[in-house]
């Protein structure tokens, strides 16, 4: 019995260990020992830094990031200095340029421009969530968000965690946790510890968007081993960041929430083990603004009704006329975009010889 309990315990430990280490490849991230400012000391395996109040008063991490969504925490250890600013930068030599720094007084410094941002801090734990895929950063004071910053990040740069001592006479002591130990507060959903090395899945290719009746249909090439896909949409080609579908396991999607006359831009991301790829190519489409209702009476007494564009009406009339002269297929296909599960596509076939009459009701433009 004791041996069985030991075996169960061993299996449990192995299962827990394997769960913890899914995608758990890490790198050693500390404050850099050579690329920082001129006056500082490092301790605690280079995670604690005392930054003196003279000279170049910056420290940066030894690892930078250019893509991905990352989280780390900074603990303010020395409460005698009330002029600590922390966040990100591209190097240690510039105080504010190409930096976003959350200051002790609640201001945010975005590339040398100070703005009112959040609440002040002294001896708190500051969490930093950096999204380099969309160019956003969010600061947390003791687990409470101070707001999302959506400007100031150039996603072509490599950014490093950074702390600046704004006091010219007092030193500042801070300790970083890049993920080597448990965070004090909950890591935001979708983010990874800064010390993690995350392998992104391949990017979906050949995304195509096409209008279909009063909807827009998307198709793209499958990514090998992708768990699912996320679809994003916007009416602005420069910023495509609104998720309209997630956990998609097929490579087709029909967007039914569209306004005729509006151009929509789409990208698709592959997801593997909760890690998203970079964006696919951008595809765009617009449903025509001239919509009509097409009613078709069949000899079975049924009347079928479709919301279509006037171009679709023209195609239907041409088919009907051609078929009367024995040209073309004996049926006309109307896609049903409702995509009722478990089906991905439904088509209705209207037989030419069963049509008694049809009526077109064109809407006002």
Protein backbone atom coordinates (compact mmCIF):
# COMPACT_ATOMS: atom_id res chain seq x y z
CA UNK A 1 0.00 0.00 0.00
CA UNK A 2 2.83 2.38 0.84
CA UNK A 3 4.46 1.66 -2.50
CA UNK A 4 1.16 2.41 -4.30
CA UNK A 5 0.88 5.74 -2.47
CA UNK A 6 4.46 6.59 -3.37
CA UNK A 7 3.79 5.74 -7.01
CA UNK A 8 0.63 7.89 -7.07
CA UNK A 9 2.54 10.75 -5.46
CA UNK A 10 5.36 10.40 -8.00
CA UNK A 11 2.90 10.38 -10.91
CA UNK A 12 1.13 13.43 -9.47
CA UNK A 13 4.42 15.30 -9.14
CA UNK A 14 5.38 14.41 -12.70
CA UNK A 15 1.97 15.52 -14.04
CA UNK A 16 2.13 18.83 -12.17
CA UNK A 17 5.71 19.38 -13.34
CA UNK A 18 4.75 18.68 -16.94
CA UNK A 19 1.80 21.06 -16.76
CA UNK A 20 3.96 23.80 -15.30
CA UNK A 21 6.55 23.34 -18.01
CA UNK A 22 4.33 23.42 -21.06
CA UNK A 23 6.18 25.89 -23.25
CA UNK A 24 8.38 26.59 -20.20
CA UNK A 25 11.60 27.57 -21.87
CA UNK A 26 13.23 30.46 -20.06
CA UNK A 27 16.31 32.65 -20.26
CA UNK A 28 18.20 34.40 -17.49
CA UNK A 29 16.99 37.98 -17.36
CA UNK A 30 18.58 40.43 -14.91
CA UNK A 31 19.67 44.04 -14.84
CA UNK A 32 22.51 44.38 -17.32
CA UNK A 33 25.97 44.42 -15.79
CA UNK A 34 27.60 46.60 -18.44
CA UNK A 35 25.07 48.61 -20.46
CA UNK A 36 23.59 50.65 -17.61
CA UNK A 37 24.31 54.19 -16.47
CA UNK A 38 27.48 55.27 -14.71
CA UNK A 39 26.53 55.07 -11.02
CA UNK A 40 24.75 51.97 -9.72
CA UNK A 41 25.37 48.73 -7.83
CA UNK A 42 23.76 45.35 -8.43
CA UNK A 43 22.98 42.60 -5.93
CA UNK A 44 20.55 39.70 -5.41
CA UNK A 45 21.79 37.91 -8.54
CA UNK A 46 21.66 41.24 -10.40
CA UNK A 47 17.92 41.66 -9.79
CA UNK A 48 18.27 44.43 -7.19
CA UNK A 49 19.82 47.73 -8.22
CA UNK A 50 20.75 50.79 -6.21
CA UNK A 51 20.87 53.71 -8.61
CA UNK A 52 22.79 56.69 -7.27
CA UNK A 53 21.65 60.28 -7.67
CA UNK A 54 24.37 61.48 -9.99
CA UNK A 55 25.81 60.63 -13.37
CA UNK A 56 23.72 58.64 -15.87
CA UNK A 57 20.97 57.36 -13.58
CA UNK A 58 19.51 54.42 -15.55
CA UNK A 59 19.49 50.64 -15.45
CA UNK A 60 18.13 48.38 -18.19
CA UNK A 61 17.66 44.63 -18.46
CA UNK A 62 20.13 42.42 -20.28
CA UNK A 63 17.46 41.04 -22.66
CA UNK A 64 15.33 43.07 -25.04
CA UNK A 65 12.14 42.15 -26.89
CA UNK A 66 10.75 43.18 -30.27
CA UNK A 67 7.58 41.08 -30.44
CA UNK A 68 5.26 39.31 -28.04
CA UNK A 69 3.27 40.12 -24.89
CA UNK A 70 5.36 40.29 -21.71
CA UNK A 71 4.91 40.94 -18.00
CA UNK A 72 7.28 41.72 -15.14
CA UNK A 73 7.15 43.39 -11.72
CA UNK A 74 9.29 46.06 -10.01
CA UNK A 75 9.36 46.43 -6.22
CA UNK A 76 10.36 49.86 -4.89
CA UNK A 77 12.64 48.98 -1.93
CA UNK A 78 13.88 52.42 -0.84
CA UNK A 79 10.95 54.69 0.06
CA UNK A 80 13.19 57.67 0.88
CA UNK A 81 13.50 58.45 -2.84
CA UNK A 82 10.21 59.65 -4.28
CA UNK A 83 11.43 60.26 -7.81
CA UNK A 84 11.63 56.81 -9.35
CA UNK A 85 10.47 56.29 -12.95
CA UNK A 86 10.15 52.86 -14.50
CA UNK A 87 9.02 51.26 -17.72
CA UNK A 88 10.78 50.57 -21.02
CA UNK A 89 13.47 52.09 -23.23
CA UNK A 90 15.64 51.15 -26.18
CA UNK A 91 18.92 51.86 -24.36
CA UNK A 92 20.39 53.31 -21.16
CA UNK A 93 21.89 56.54 -22.48
CA UNK A 94 18.67 58.48 -23.12
CA UNK A 95 16.55 59.46 -20.17
CA UNK A 96 13.23 59.93 -21.93
CA UNK A 97 13.75 59.67 -25.69
CA UNK A 98 12.43 56.34 -26.99
CA UNK A 99 11.26 55.52 -23.47
CA UNK A 100 7.91 55.17 -21.69
CA UNK A 101 8.33 55.69 -17.95
CA UNK A 102 5.72 55.65 -15.17
CA UNK A 103 6.76 58.18 -12.53
CA UNK A 104 6.28 58.12 -8.75
CA UNK A 105 3.92 61.13 -8.92
CA UNK A 106 1.50 59.38 -11.29
CA UNK A 107 2.74 61.03 -14.49
CA UNK A 108 3.73 59.09 -17.57
CA UNK A 109 6.73 60.16 -19.66
CA UNK A 110 6.18 59.16 -23.29
CA UNK A 111 9.26 59.92 -25.36
CA UNK A 112 10.06 63.01 -23.31
CA UNK A 113 6.44 64.22 -23.04
CA UNK A 114 4.90 64.19 -19.55
CA UNK A 115 1.18 63.47 -19.15
CA UNK A 116 -1.12 62.82 -16.20
CA UNK A 117 -1.59 59.06 -16.03
CA UNK A 118 -2.30 57.11 -12.83
CA UNK A 119 -1.94 57.26 -9.07
CA UNK A 120 1.36 57.95 -7.30
CA UNK A 121 3.49 55.18 -5.81
CA UNK A 122 6.30 54.85 -3.27
CA UNK A 123 6.88 51.38 -1.80
CA UNK A 124 4.43 49.53 -4.05
CA UNK A 125 4.79 46.64 -6.49
CA UNK A 126 4.48 47.93 -10.06
CA UNK A 127 3.47 45.41 -12.71
CA UNK A 128 4.28 46.15 -16.35
CA UNK A 129 2.42 44.49 -19.25
CA UNK A 130 4.09 45.18 -22.58
CA UNK A 131 2.33 44.24 -25.83
CA UNK A 132 4.84 44.66 -28.64
CA UNK A 133 2.52 43.05 -31.19
CA UNK A 134 0.08 45.98 -31.06
CA UNK A 135 2.34 48.65 -29.52
CA UNK A 136 0.68 49.00 -26.10
CA UNK A 137 1.89 49.10 -22.50
CA UNK A 138 -0.11 48.94 -19.26
CA UNK A 139 1.13 49.63 -15.73
CA UNK A 140 -0.35 48.07 -12.59
CA UNK A 141 0.00 49.45 -9.05
CA UNK A 142 -0.39 46.58 -6.58
CA UNK A 143 -2.39 44.64 -9.16
CA UNK A 144 -4.67 47.53 -10.20
CA UNK A 145 -4.41 48.79 -13.79
CA UNK A 146 -3.51 52.44 -14.21
CA UNK A 147 -4.61 52.48 -17.85
CA UNK A 148 -3.41 51.36 -21.27
CA UNK A 149 -0.89 53.50 -23.16
CA UNK A 150 -1.41 53.12 -26.92
CA UNK A 151 1.11 55.68 -28.20
CA UNK A 152 4.87 56.05 -28.15
CA UNK A 153 5.98 52.51 -28.99
CA UNK A 154 7.76 51.92 -32.29
CA UNK A 155 7.33 48.18 -32.90
CA UNK A 156 10.40 48.17 -35.16
CA UNK A 157 12.58 48.85 -32.08
CA UNK A 158 13.86 46.45 -29.46
CA UNK A 159 12.71 47.48 -25.98
CA UNK A 160 14.21 46.71 -22.57
CA UNK A 161 12.80 47.01 -19.04
CA UNK A 162 14.23 50.24 -17.67
CA UNK A 163 14.36 52.22 -14.42
CA UNK A 164 15.48 55.84 -14.05
CA UNK A 165 16.37 57.69 -10.86
CA UNK A 166 14.99 61.21 -11.24
CA UNK A 167 16.59 62.51 -8.04
CA UNK A 168 20.04 64.08 -8.37
CA UNK A 169 20.92 63.69 -4.69
CA UNK A 170 19.26 60.51 -3.37
CA UNK A 171 19.78 56.95 -4.46
CA UNK A 172 16.93 54.64 -5.49
CA UNK A 173 16.79 50.91 -4.77
CA UNK A 174 14.50 48.63 -6.75
CA UNK A 175 14.13 44.87 -7.25
CA UNK A 176 12.88 43.28 -10.46
CA UNK A 177 11.06 40.01 -10.94
CA UNK A 178 11.19 38.97 -14.58
CA UNK A 179 9.48 35.65 -13.89
CA UNK A 180 12.15 33.53 -12.18
CA UNK A 181 9.92 33.45 -9.07
CA UNK A 182 6.17 33.71 -8.57
CA UNK A 183 4.73 37.13 -9.27
CA UNK A 184 3.08 39.00 -6.42
CA UNK A 185 0.02 39.72 -8.56
CA UNK A 186 -1.87 37.83 -11.27
CA UNK A 187 -0.23 38.00 -14.67
CA UNK A 188 -2.66 39.50 -17.22
CA UNK A 189 -4.37 37.05 -19.56
CA UNK A 190 -2.44 36.40 -22.77
CA UNK A 191 0.88 37.68 -21.40
CA UNK A 192 4.04 35.70 -20.64
CA UNK A 193 6.69 36.17 -17.96
CA UNK A 194 9.41 38.38 -19.39
CA UNK A 195 12.05 35.67 -18.94
CA UNK A 196 10.09 33.16 -21.04
CA UNK A 197 11.19 32.31 -24.55
CA UNK A 198 8.05 31.80 -26.59
CA UNK A 199 8.08 30.22 -30.03
CA UNK A 200 5.38 31.75 -32.19
CA UNK A 201 3.53 29.56 -34.69
CA UNK A 202 3.91 30.23 -38.39
CA UNK A 203 1.97 33.11 -39.92
CA UNK A 204 -1.21 32.26 -41.88
CA UNK A 205 -0.79 33.00 -45.58
CA UNK A 206 -2.96 33.81 -48.58
CA UNK A 207 -5.81 35.43 -46.65
CA UNK A 208 -8.58 36.37 -49.09
CA UNK A 209 -11.70 38.42 -48.33
CA UNK A 210 -14.65 38.44 -50.72
CA UNK A 211 -18.21 39.82 -50.53
CA UNK A 212 -20.90 37.16 -50.59
CA UNK A 213 -24.51 38.35 -50.65
CA UNK A 214 -24.69 40.72 -47.69
CA UNK A 215 -21.65 39.22 -45.92
CA UNK A 216 -17.88 38.93 -46.32
CA UNK A 217 -16.24 35.52 -46.56
CA UNK A 218 -12.63 34.89 -45.51
CA UNK A 219 -10.37 32.04 -46.61
CA UNK A 220 -6.71 31.34 -45.78
CA UNK A 221 -4.14 28.56 -45.93
CA UNK A 222 -3.89 26.25 -42.94
CA UNK A 223 -0.90 26.47 -40.61
CA UNK A 224 0.57 23.10 -39.72
CA UNK A 225 0.00 22.17 -36.05
CA UNK A 226 -1.99 25.34 -35.29
CA UNK A 227 -4.55 24.73 -32.54
CA UNK A 228 -6.91 27.42 -33.76
CA UNK A 229 -7.08 30.88 -35.34
CA UNK A 230 -7.99 34.40 -34.26
CA UNK A 231 -9.58 36.85 -36.70
CA UNK A 232 -9.25 40.62 -36.34
CA UNK A 233 -11.09 43.33 -38.25
CA UNK A 234 -11.06 47.09 -38.68
CA UNK A 235 -12.34 49.81 -40.96
CA UNK A 236 -8.85 51.38 -40.75
CA UNK A 237 -6.15 49.58 -42.70
CA UNK A 238 -3.47 50.99 -40.41
CA UNK A 239 -4.87 49.58 -37.16
CA UNK A 240 -6.48 46.15 -37.31
CA UNK A 241 -6.93 45.19 -33.66
CA UNK A 242 -10.58 44.26 -33.01
CA UNK A 243 -11.06 40.52 -32.45
CA UNK A 244 -14.25 39.31 -34.13
CA UNK A 245 -13.65 35.57 -33.80
CA UNK A 246 -11.34 33.32 -31.80
CA UNK A 247 -10.75 29.60 -31.30
CA UNK A 248 -11.57 29.06 -34.98
CA UNK A 249 -10.58 25.55 -36.04
CA UNK A 250 -11.43 25.95 -39.74
CA UNK A 251 -9.75 28.11 -42.37
CA UNK A 252 -12.92 29.85 -43.52
CA UNK A 253 -15.08 32.44 -41.80
CA UNK A 254 -18.14 34.46 -42.77
CA UNK A 255 -18.47 37.93 -41.30
CA UNK A 256 -22.20 38.65 -41.12
CA UNK A 257 -21.93 41.92 -39.19
CA UNK A 258 -21.06 44.25 -42.04
CA UNK A 259 -22.49 47.52 -43.31
CA UNK A 260 -22.90 47.84 -47.08
CA UNK A 261 -20.64 50.50 -48.56
CA UNK A 262 -18.00 50.12 -45.82
CA UNK A 263 -14.60 48.59 -46.55
CA UNK A 264 -13.39 46.13 -43.92
CA UNK A 265 -9.78 45.06 -43.38
CA UNK A 266 -8.89 41.67 -41.90
CA UNK A 267 -5.89 39.76 -40.55
CA UNK A 268 -5.68 36.24 -39.14
CA UNK A 269 -3.36 34.89 -36.44
CA UNK A 270 -2.52 31.23 -35.83
CA UNK A 271 -2.56 30.05 -32.20
CA UNK A 272 -0.43 27.23 -30.77
CA UNK A 273 -0.39 26.46 -27.05
CA UNK A 274 -2.04 29.85 -26.38
CA UNK A 275 0.73 31.66 -28.29
CA UNK A 276 -0.36 33.79 -31.25
CA UNK A 277 1.55 34.23 -34.49
CA UNK A 278 2.18 37.58 -36.07
CA UNK A 279 -0.53 38.92 -38.37
CA UNK A 280 -1.24 37.42 -41.76
CA UNK A 281 -1.39 39.53 -44.88
CA UNK A 282 -4.16 42.13 -44.85
CA UNK A 283 -7.26 41.33 -46.90
CA UNK A 284 -10.14 43.72 -47.52
CA UNK A 285 -13.60 43.63 -49.01
CA UNK A 286 -16.78 45.70 -49.22
CA UNK A 287 -20.38 44.68 -49.61
CA UNK A 288 -22.04 46.80 -52.27
CA UNK A 289 -24.40 49.50 -51.08
CA UNK A 290 -27.10 48.74 -53.66
CA UNK A 291 -28.97 45.89 -52.00
CA UNK A 292 -32.14 44.22 -53.22
CA UNK A 293 -34.54 41.50 -52.16
CA UNK A 294 -34.94 38.78 -54.78
CA UNK A 295 -38.13 36.70 -54.49
CA UNK A 296 -38.44 33.50 -56.52
CA UNK A 297 -41.76 31.62 -56.85
CA UNK A 298 -41.42 27.91 -57.57
CA UNK A 299 -43.96 25.52 -59.03
CA UNK A 300 -44.06 23.81 -55.64
CA UNK A 301 -45.83 26.99 -54.37
CA UNK A 302 -42.78 27.86 -52.30
CA UNK A 303 -41.45 31.44 -52.46
CA UNK A 304 -37.74 31.82 -51.73
CA UNK A 305 -36.33 35.17 -50.71
CA UNK A 306 -32.70 36.33 -50.80
CA UNK A 307 -30.98 39.57 -49.82
CA UNK A 308 -28.47 40.21 -52.60
CA UNK A 309 -26.62 43.00 -54.36
CA UNK A 310 -27.80 44.36 -57.69
CA UNK A 311 -24.76 42.70 -59.25
CA UNK A 312 -26.08 39.37 -57.95
CA UNK A 313 -29.48 40.21 -59.45
CA UNK A 314 -27.85 40.89 -62.82
CA UNK A 315 -25.99 37.56 -62.65
CA UNK A 316 -29.21 35.73 -61.78
CA UNK A 317 -31.17 37.34 -64.65
CA UNK A 318 -28.38 36.55 -67.10
CA UNK A 319 -28.35 32.91 -65.95
CA UNK A 320 -32.14 32.73 -66.22
CA UNK A 321 -32.11 34.17 -69.73
CA UNK A 322 -29.21 31.99 -70.87
CA UNK A 323 -30.85 28.88 -69.44
CA UNK A 324 -34.03 29.66 -71.37
CA UNK A 325 -31.82 29.25 -74.46
CA UNK A 326 -30.32 26.01 -73.08
CA UNK A 327 -27.10 27.74 -72.10
CA UNK A 328 -25.48 27.13 -68.75
CA UNK A 329 -26.32 24.97 -65.74
CA UNK A 330 -29.92 23.89 -65.05
CA UNK A 331 -29.72 25.31 -61.51
CA UNK A 332 -28.56 28.51 -59.78
CA UNK A 333 -26.69 28.42 -56.48
CA UNK A 334 -27.48 30.76 -53.59
CA UNK A 335 -25.01 30.41 -50.70
CA UNK A 336 -26.60 30.36 -47.26
CA UNK A 337 -24.19 32.33 -45.05
CA UNK A 338 -25.77 31.38 -41.75
CA UNK A 339 -23.16 28.59 -41.36
CA UNK A 340 -25.34 26.54 -39.03
CA UNK A 341 -23.19 24.18 -36.99
CA UNK A 342 -21.91 21.58 -37.53
CA UNK A 343 -21.86 22.72 -41.17
CA UNK A 344 -19.38 25.22 -42.55
CA UNK A 345 -21.28 25.99 -45.74
CA UNK A 346 -24.85 25.58 -46.99
CA UNK A 347 -25.94 26.10 -50.62
CA UNK A 348 -29.46 26.32 -52.01
CA UNK A 349 -29.97 25.16 -55.60
CA UNK A 350 -32.84 26.75 -57.55
CA UNK A 351 -33.94 24.64 -60.55
CA UNK A 352 -34.66 26.72 -63.66
CA UNK A 353 -37.62 24.65 -64.82
CA UNK A 354 -39.31 25.02 -61.42
CA UNK A 355 -39.35 28.83 -61.48
CA UNK A 356 -42.80 30.35 -62.05
CA UNK A 357 -41.80 33.99 -61.54
CA UNK A 358 -39.28 36.14 -59.72
CA UNK A 359 -39.45 39.66 -58.31
CA UNK A 360 -36.70 42.19 -57.56
CA UNK A 361 -37.21 44.77 -54.79
CA UNK A 362 -34.37 47.28 -54.91
CA UNK A 363 -33.76 49.40 -51.81
CA UNK A 364 -33.26 53.14 -51.87
CA UNK A 365 -29.57 54.12 -51.96
